[in-house]
PDB file of all heavy atoms in Angstrom:
ATOM      1  N   LEU A   1     145.306  81.489  87.345  1.00  0.00           N
ATOM      2  CA  LEU A   1     145.962  82.698  87.837  1.00  0.00           C
ATOM      3  C   LEU A   1     145.680  83.927  86.986  1.00  0.00           C
ATOM      4  O   LEU A   1     146.187  85.010  87.276  1.00  0.00           O
ATOM      5  CB  LEU A   1     147.475  82.466  87.938  1.00  0.00           C
ATOM      6  CG  LEU A   1     147.914  81.393  88.941  1.00  0.00           C
ATOM      7  CD1 LEU A   1     149.426  81.214  88.918  1.00  0.00           C
ATOM      8  CD2 LEU A   1     147.446  81.731  90.352  1.00  0.00           C
ATOM      9  N   ALA A   2     144.886  83.760  85.947  1.00  0.00           N
ATOM     10  CA  ALA A   2     144.564  84.897  85.085  1.00  0.00           C
ATOM     11  C   ALA A   2     143.637  85.870  85.807  1.00  0.00           C
ATOM     12  O   ALA A   2     142.810  85.473  86.631  1.00  0.00           O
ATOM     13  CB  ALA A   2     143.910  84.419  83.800  1.00  0.00           C
ATOM     14  N   VAL A   3     143.791  87.152  85.491  1.00  0.00           N
ATOM     15  CA  VAL A   3     142.897  88.188  86.016  1.00  0.00           C
ATOM     16  C   VAL A   3     142.212  88.839  84.822  1.00  0.00           C
ATOM     17  O   VAL A   3     142.812  89.653  84.123  1.00  0.00           O
ATOM     18  CB  VAL A   3     143.664  89.231  86.834  1.00  0.00           C
ATOM     19  CG1 VAL A   3     142.708  90.309  87.348  1.00  0.00           C
ATOM     20  CG2 VAL A   3     144.398  88.575  88.001  1.00  0.00           C
ATOM     21  N   PRO A   4     140.971  88.464  84.530  1.00  0.00           N
ATOM     22  CA  PRO A   4     140.288  89.005  83.347  1.00  0.00           C
ATOM     23  C   PRO A   4     140.038  90.504  83.482  1.00  0.00           C
ATOM     24  O   PRO A   4     139.792  91.016  84.572  1.00  0.00           O
ATOM     25  CB  PRO A   4     138.971  88.224  83.306  1.00  0.00           C
ATOM     26  CG  PRO A   4     138.760  87.747  84.702  1.00  0.00           C
ATOM     27  CD  PRO A   4     140.116  87.521  85.285  1.00  0.00           C
ATOM     28  N   VAL A   5     140.091  91.205  82.348  1.00  0.00           N
ATOM     29  CA  VAL A   5     139.895  92.651  82.350  1.00  0.00           C
ATOM     30  C   VAL A   5     138.429  93.019  82.133  1.00  0.00           C
ATOM     31  O   VAL A   5     138.053  94.178  82.315  1.00  0.00           O
ATOM     32  CB  VAL A   5     140.770  93.329  81.277  1.00  0.00           C
ATOM     33  CG1 VAL A   5     142.243  93.108  81.567  1.00  0.00           C
ATOM     34  CG2 VAL A   5     140.422  92.800  79.890  1.00  0.00           C
ATOM     35  N   ARG A   6     137.618  92.056  81.756  1.00  0.00           N
ATOM     36  CA  ARG A   6     136.185  92.303  81.550  1.00  0.00           C
ATOM     37  C   ARG A   6     135.405  91.063  82.012  1.00  0.00           C
ATOM     38  O   ARG A   6     135.975  89.967  82.117  1.00  0.00           O
ATOM     39  CB  ARG A   6     135.887  92.609  80.086  1.00  0.00           C
ATOM     40  CG  ARG A   6     136.248  91.487  79.124  1.00  0.00           C
ATOM     41  CD  ARG A   6     135.957  91.882  77.679  1.00  0.00           C
ATOM     42  NE  ARG A   6     136.740  93.032  77.268  1.00  0.00           N
ATOM     43  CZ  ARG A   6     137.987  92.928  76.776  1.00  0.00           C
ATOM     44  NH1 ARG A   6     138.567  91.732  76.645  1.00  0.00           N
ATOM     45  NH2 ARG A   6     138.647  93.996  76.414  1.00  0.00           N
ATOM     46  N   PRO A   7     134.125  91.211  82.299  1.00  0.00           N
ATOM     47  CA  PRO A   7     133.339  90.062  82.749  1.00  0.00           C
ATOM     48  C   PRO A   7     133.339  88.939  81.722  1.00  0.00           C
ATOM     49  O   PRO A   7     133.277  89.183  80.511  1.00  0.00           O
ATOM     50  CB  PRO A   7     131.930  90.647  82.928  1.00  0.00           C
ATOM     51  CG  PRO A   7     132.147  92.100  83.162  1.00  0.00           C
ATOM     52  CD  PRO A   7     133.341  92.460  82.336  1.00  0.00           C
ATOM     53  N   ASP A   8     133.404  87.712  82.200  1.00  0.00           N
ATOM     54  CA  ASP A   8     133.377  86.565  81.298  1.00  0.00           C
ATOM     55  C   ASP A   8     132.015  86.481  80.618  1.00  0.00           C
ATOM     56  O   ASP A   8     130.965  86.724  81.226  1.00  0.00           O
ATOM     57  CB  ASP A   8     133.652  85.278  82.076  1.00  0.00           C
ATOM     58  CG  ASP A   8     133.956  84.109  81.161  1.00  0.00           C
ATOM     59  OD1 ASP A   8     132.991  83.455  80.693  1.00  0.00           O
ATOM     60  OD2 ASP A   8     135.136  83.845  80.899  1.00  0.00           O
ATOM     61  N   ALA A   9     132.021  86.105  79.349  1.00  0.00           N
ATOM     62  CA  ALA A   9     130.789  86.050  78.550  1.00  0.00           C
ATOM     63  C   ALA A   9     129.812  84.998  79.060  1.00  0.00           C
ATOM     64  O   ALA A   9     128.618  85.055  78.740  1.00  0.00           O
ATOM     65  CB  ALA A   9     131.139  85.769  77.094  1.00  0.00           C
ATOM     66  N   ALA A  10     130.304  84.047  79.855  1.00  0.00           N
ATOM     67  CA  ALA A  10     129.418  82.980  80.336  1.00  0.00           C
ATOM     68  C   ALA A  10     128.465  83.452  81.426  1.00  0.00           C
ATOM     69  O   ALA A  10     127.373  82.882  81.577  1.00  0.00           O
ATOM     70  CB  ALA A  10     130.241  81.806  80.858  1.00  0.00           C
ATOM     71  N   TRP A  11     128.835  84.478  82.185  1.00  0.00           N
ATOM     72  CA  TRP A  11     128.008  84.872  83.323  1.00  0.00           C
ATOM     73  C   TRP A  11     126.597  85.308  82.919  1.00  0.00           C
ATOM     74  O   TRP A  11     125.612  84.832  83.508  1.00  0.00           O
ATOM     75  CB  TRP A  11     128.691  85.952  84.149  1.00  0.00           C
ATOM     76  CG  TRP A  11     129.917  85.518  84.886  1.00  0.00           C
ATOM     77  CD1 TRP A  11     131.156  86.113  84.853  1.00  0.00           C
ATOM     78  CD2 TRP A  11     130.061  84.401  85.770  1.00  0.00           C
ATOM     79  NE1 TRP A  11     132.046  85.448  85.655  1.00  0.00           N
ATOM     80  CE2 TRP A  11     131.402  84.391  86.232  1.00  0.00           C
ATOM     81  CE3 TRP A  11     129.184  83.411  86.218  1.00  0.00           C
ATOM     82  CZ2 TRP A  11     131.884  83.429  87.126  1.00  0.00           C
ATOM     83  CZ3 TRP A  11     129.670  82.451  87.103  1.00  0.00           C
ATOM     84  CH2 TRP A  11     130.991  82.467  87.547  1.00  0.00           C
ATOM     85  N   PRO A  12     126.422  86.210  81.952  1.00  0.00           N
ATOM     86  CA  PRO A  12     125.049  86.570  81.582  1.00  0.00           C
ATOM     87  C   PRO A  12     124.281  85.408  80.967  1.00  0.00           C
ATOM     88  O   PRO A  12     123.056  85.317  81.119  1.00  0.00           O
ATOM     89  CB  PRO A  12     125.228  87.723  80.588  1.00  0.00           C
ATOM     90  CG  PRO A  12     126.631  87.617  80.103  1.00  0.00           C
ATOM     91  CD  PRO A  12     127.412  87.046  81.241  1.00  0.00           C
ATOM     92  N   LEU A  13     124.974  84.505  80.281  1.00  0.00           N
ATOM     93  CA  LEU A  13     124.300  83.332  79.738  1.00  0.00           C
ATOM     94  C   LEU A  13     123.801  82.431  80.858  1.00  0.00           C
ATOM     95  O   LEU A  13     122.681  81.903  80.800  1.00  0.00           O
ATOM     96  CB  LEU A  13     125.246  82.563  78.809  1.00  0.00           C
ATOM     97  CG  LEU A  13     125.667  83.283  77.533  1.00  0.00           C
ATOM     98  CD1 LEU A  13     126.702  82.450  76.769  1.00  0.00           C
ATOM     99  CD2 LEU A  13     124.458  83.573  76.644  1.00  0.00           C
ATOM    100  N   LEU A  14     124.628  82.271  81.880  1.00  0.00           N
ATOM    101  CA  LEU A  14     124.222  81.448  83.021  1.00  0.00           C
ATOM    102  C   LEU A  14     122.999  82.057  83.702  1.00  0.00           C
ATOM    103  O   LEU A  14     122.075  81.339  84.087  1.00  0.00           O
ATOM    104  CB  LEU A  14     125.380  81.328  84.008  1.00  0.00           C
ATOM    105  CG  LEU A  14     125.385  80.113  84.939  1.00  0.00           C
ATOM    106  CD1 LEU A  14     125.592  78.833  84.144  1.00  0.00           C
ATOM    107  CD2 LEU A  14     126.464  80.252  85.999  1.00  0.00           C
ATOM    108  N   ALA A  15     122.998  83.372  83.832  1.00  0.00           N
ATOM    109  CA  ALA A  15     121.847  84.048  84.446  1.00  0.00           C
ATOM    110  C   ALA A  15     120.595  83.889  83.594  1.00  0.00           C
ATOM    111  O   ALA A  15     119.499  83.667  84.116  1.00  0.00           O
ATOM    112  CB  ALA A  15     122.170  85.526  84.651  1.00  0.00           C
ATOM    113  N   SER A  16     120.750  83.982  82.284  1.00  0.00           N
ATOM    114  CA  SER A  16     119.592  83.850  81.397  1.00  0.00           C
ATOM    115  C   SER A  16     119.001  82.448  81.448  1.00  0.00           C
ATOM    116  O   SER A  16     117.818  82.254  81.160  1.00  0.00           O
ATOM    117  CB  SER A  16     119.991  84.191  79.956  1.00  0.00           C
ATOM    118  OG  SER A  16     120.808  83.178  79.381  1.00  0.00           O
ATOM    119  N   LEU A  17     119.816  81.467  81.826  1.00  0.00           N
ATOM    120  CA  LEU A  17     119.364  80.087  81.933  1.00  0.00           C
ATOM    121  C   LEU A  17     118.786  79.775  83.315  1.00  0.00           C
ATOM    122  O   LEU A  17     118.407  78.632  83.574  1.00  0.00           O
ATOM    123  CB  LEU A  17     120.537  79.137  81.636  1.00  0.00           C
ATOM    124  CG  LEU A  17     121.033  79.166  80.193  1.00  0.00           C
ATOM    125  CD1 LEU A  17     122.409  78.505  80.087  1.00  0.00           C
ATOM    126  CD2 LEU A  17     120.042  78.475  79.270  1.00  0.00           C
ATOM    127  N   ASP A  18     118.753  80.794  84.181  1.00  0.00           N
ATOM    128  CA  ASP A  18     118.221  80.631  85.534  1.00  0.00           C
ATOM    129  C   ASP A  18     118.935  79.492  86.258  1.00  0.00           C
ATOM    130  O   ASP A  18     118.304  78.589  86.826  1.00  0.00           O
ATOM    131  CB  ASP A  18     116.705  80.378  85.483  1.00  0.00           C
ATOM    132  CG  ASP A  18     116.058  80.454  86.859  1.00  0.00           C
ATOM    133  OD1 ASP A  18     116.625  81.109  87.746  1.00  0.00           O
ATOM    134  OD2 ASP A  18     114.977  79.845  87.037  1.00  0.00           O
ATOM    135  N   CYS A  19     120.268  79.559  86.227  1.00  0.00           N
ATOM    136  CA  CYS A  19     121.058  78.558  86.960  1.00  0.00           C
ATOM    137  C   CYS A  19     120.766  78.694  88.448  1.00  0.00           C
ATOM    138  O   CYS A  19     120.886  79.779  89.025  1.00  0.00           O
ATOM    139  CB  CYS A  19     122.549  78.759  86.684  1.00  0.00           C
ATOM    140  SG  CYS A  19     123.607  77.547  87.496  1.00  0.00           S
ATOM    141  N   SER A  20     120.386  77.594  89.078  1.00  0.00           N
ATOM    142  CA  SER A  20     119.966  77.624  90.482  1.00  0.00           C
ATOM    143  C   SER A  20     121.133  77.871  91.416  1.00  0.00           C
ATOM    144  O   SER A  20     121.008  78.631  92.391  1.00  0.00           O
ATOM    145  CB  SER A  20     119.280  76.302  90.840  1.00  0.00           C
ATOM    146  OG  SER A  20     118.262  75.990  89.907  1.00  0.00           O
ATOM    147  N   ALA A  21     122.267  77.230  91.162  1.00  0.00           N
ATOM    148  CA  ALA A  21     123.459  77.399  91.989  1.00  0.00           C
ATOM    149  C   ALA A  21     124.640  76.766  91.281  1.00  0.00           C
ATOM    150  O   ALA A  21     124.478  75.886  90.416  1.00  0.00           O
ATOM    151  CB  ALA A  21     123.277  76.775  93.375  1.00  0.00           C
ATOM    152  N   MET A  22     125.844  77.207  91.656  1.00  0.00           N
ATOM    153  CA  MET A  22     127.062  76.606  91.124  1.00  0.00           C
ATOM    154  C   MET A  22     128.116  76.551  92.222  1.00  0.00           C
ATOM    155  O   MET A  22     128.035  77.269  93.222  1.00  0.00           O
ATOM    156  CB  MET A  22     127.605  77.409  89.942  1.00  0.00           C
ATOM    157  CG  MET A  22     128.236  78.736  90.311  1.00  0.00           C
ATOM    158  SD  MET A  22     129.148  79.532  88.937  1.00  0.00           S
ATOM    159  CE  MET A  22     130.500  78.358  88.689  1.00  0.00           C
ATOM    160  N   VAL A  23     129.097  75.670  92.028  1.00  0.00           N
ATOM    161  CA  VAL A  23     130.285  75.648  92.867  1.00  0.00           C
ATOM    162  C   VAL A  23     131.453  76.129  92.009  1.00  0.00           C
ATOM    163  O   VAL A  23     131.495  75.840  90.807  1.00  0.00           O
ATOM    164  CB  VAL A  23     130.560  74.230  93.423  1.00  0.00           C
ATOM    165  CG1 VAL A  23     130.931  73.245  92.313  1.00  0.00           C
ATOM    166  CG2 VAL A  23     131.659  74.262  94.485  1.00  0.00           C
ATOM    167  N   PRO A  24     132.375  76.899  92.563  1.00  0.00           N
ATOM    168  CA  PRO A  24     133.519  77.325  91.763  1.00  0.00           C
ATOM    169  C   PRO A  24     134.417  76.145  91.390  1.00  0.00           C
ATOM    170  O   PRO A  24     134.548  75.169  92.137  1.00  0.00           O
ATOM    171  CB  PRO A  24     134.272  78.296  92.685  1.00  0.00           C
ATOM    172  CG  PRO A  24     133.309  78.638  93.780  1.00  0.00           C
ATOM    173  CD  PRO A  24     132.406  77.459  93.915  1.00  0.00           C
ATOM    174  N   GLY A  25     135.035  76.260  90.238  1.00  0.00           N
ATOM    175  CA  GLY A  25     136.122  75.366  89.879  1.00  0.00           C
ATOM    176  C   GLY A  25     137.437  76.088  90.073  1.00  0.00           C
ATOM    177  O   GLY A  25     137.474  77.258  90.479  1.00  0.00           O
ATOM    178  N   ASN A  26     138.532  75.420  89.767  1.00  0.00           N
ATOM    179  CA  ASN A  26     139.825  76.079  89.903  1.00  0.00           C
ATOM    180  C   ASN A  26     139.935  77.298  88.994  1.00  0.00           C
ATOM    181  O   ASN A  26     140.604  78.278  89.315  1.00  0.00           O
ATOM    182  CB  ASN A  26     140.959  75.102  89.638  1.00  0.00           C
ATOM    183  CG  ASN A  26     140.721  74.198  88.448  1.00  0.00           C
ATOM    184  OD1 ASN A  26     139.924  73.259  88.545  1.00  0.00           O
ATOM    185  ND2 ASN A  26     141.374  74.465  87.335  1.00  0.00           N
ATOM    186  N   ARG A  27     139.243  77.288  87.842  1.00  0.00           N
ATOM    187  CA  ARG A  27     139.287  78.439  86.945  1.00  0.00           C
ATOM    188  C   ARG A  27     138.612  79.672  87.552  1.00  0.00           C
ATOM    189  O   ARG A  27     138.953  80.797  87.191  1.00  0.00           O
ATOM    190  CB  ARG A  27     138.628  78.102  85.600  1.00  0.00           C
ATOM    191  CG  ARG A  27     139.512  77.292  84.676  1.00  0.00           C
ATOM    192  CD  ARG A  27     138.802  76.904  83.396  1.00  0.00           C
ATOM    193  NE  ARG A  27     139.749  76.260  82.488  1.00  0.00           N
ATOM    194  CZ  ARG A  27     140.328  76.846  81.446  1.00  0.00           C
ATOM    195  NH1 ARG A  27     140.048  78.112  81.171  1.00  0.00           N
ATOM    196  NH2 ARG A  27     141.180  76.197  80.690  1.00  0.00           N
ATOM    197  N   GLU A  28     137.663  79.461  88.427  1.00  0.00           N
ATOM    198  CA  GLU A  28     137.002  80.597  89.066  1.00  0.00           C
ATOM    199  C   GLU A  28     137.727  81.077  90.315  1.00  0.00           C
ATOM    200  O   GLU A  28     137.317  82.044  90.948  1.00  0.00           O
ATOM    201  CB  GLU A  28     135.554  80.237  89.422  1.00  0.00           C
ATOM    202  CG  GLU A  28     134.597  80.198  88.243  1.00  0.00           C
ATOM    203  CD  GLU A  28     134.619  78.893  87.481  1.00  0.00           C
ATOM    204  OE1 GLU A  28     134.714  77.817  88.120  1.00  0.00           O
ATOM    205  OE2 GLU A  28     134.558  78.925  86.239  1.00  0.00           O
ATOM    206  N   SER A  29     138.790  80.393  90.693  1.00  0.00           N
ATOM    207  CA  SER A  29     139.504  80.759  91.913  1.00  0.00           C
ATOM    208  C   SER A  29     140.712  81.636  91.600  1.00  0.00           C
ATOM    209  O   SER A  29     141.141  81.766  90.446  1.00  0.00           O
ATOM    210  CB  SER A  29     139.971  79.508  92.654  1.00  0.00           C
ATOM    211  OG  SER A  29     141.034  78.886  91.958  1.00  0.00           O
ATOM    212  N   HIS A  30     141.255  82.237  92.644  1.00  0.00           N
ATOM    213  CA  HIS A  30     142.478  83.034  92.536  1.00  0.00           C
ATOM    214  C   HIS A  30     143.006  83.234  93.956  1.00  0.00           C
ATOM    215  O   HIS A  30     142.209  83.346  94.897  1.00  0.00           O
ATOM    216  CB  HIS A  30     142.195  84.384  91.871  1.00  0.00           C
ATOM    217  CG  HIS A  30     143.409  85.050  91.325  1.00  0.00           C
ATOM    218  ND1 HIS A  30     144.281  85.790  92.116  1.00  0.00           N
ATOM    219  CD2 HIS A  30     143.929  85.086  90.069  1.00  0.00           C
ATOM    220  CE1 HIS A  30     145.264  86.257  91.365  1.00  0.00           C
ATOM    221  NE2 HIS A  30     145.084  85.839  90.124  1.00  0.00           N
ATOM    222  N   PRO A  31     144.320  83.290  94.143  1.00  0.00           N
ATOM    223  CA  PRO A  31     144.847  83.465  95.503  1.00  0.00           C
ATOM    224  C   PRO A  31     144.667  84.870  96.061  1.00  0.00           C
ATOM    225  O   PRO A  31     144.829  85.065  97.267  1.00  0.00           O
ATOM    226  CB  PRO A  31     146.332  83.124  95.347  1.00  0.00           C
ATOM    227  CG  PRO A  31     146.639  83.381  93.915  1.00  0.00           C
ATOM    228  CD  PRO A  31     145.389  83.014  93.171  1.00  0.00           C
ATOM    229  N   LEU A  32     144.332  85.845  95.217  1.00  0.00           N
ATOM    230  CA  LEU A  32     144.173  87.221  95.668  1.00  0.00           C
ATOM    231  C   LEU A  32     142.718  87.669  95.533  1.00  0.00           C
ATOM    232  O   LEU A  32     142.033  87.301  94.574  1.00  0.00           O
ATOM    233  CB  LEU A  32     145.074  88.157  94.862  1.00  0.00           C
ATOM    234  CG  LEU A  32     146.575  87.846  94.885  1.00  0.00           C
ATOM    235  CD1 LEU A  32     147.335  88.842  94.024  1.00  0.00           C
ATOM    236  CD2 LEU A  32     147.112  87.827  96.311  1.00  0.00           C
ATOM    237  N   LYS A  33     142.263  88.473  96.478  1.00  0.00           N
ATOM    238  CA  LYS A  33     140.881  88.954  96.450  1.00  0.00           C
ATOM    239  C   LYS A  33     140.598  89.759  95.193  1.00  0.00           C
ATOM    240  O   LYS A  33     139.504  89.678  94.631  1.00  0.00           O
ATOM    241  CB  LYS A  33     140.596  89.778  97.704  1.00  0.00           C
ATOM    242  CG  LYS A  33     140.604  88.944  98.976  1.00  0.00           C
ATOM    243  CD  LYS A  33     140.271  89.774 100.206  1.00  0.00           C
ATOM    244  CE  LYS A  33     140.275  88.891 101.453  1.00  0.00           C
ATOM    245  NZ  LYS A  33     139.948  89.647 102.683  1.00  0.00           N
TER     246      LYS A  33
END
């Protein structure tokens, strides 16, 4: 239920690793857009 105020540090690392695809976990979800 947390709403981060800045982008998570993992996202650019994932991009640098050329991640092909991911599925969200509960941590990536939220009930509000």
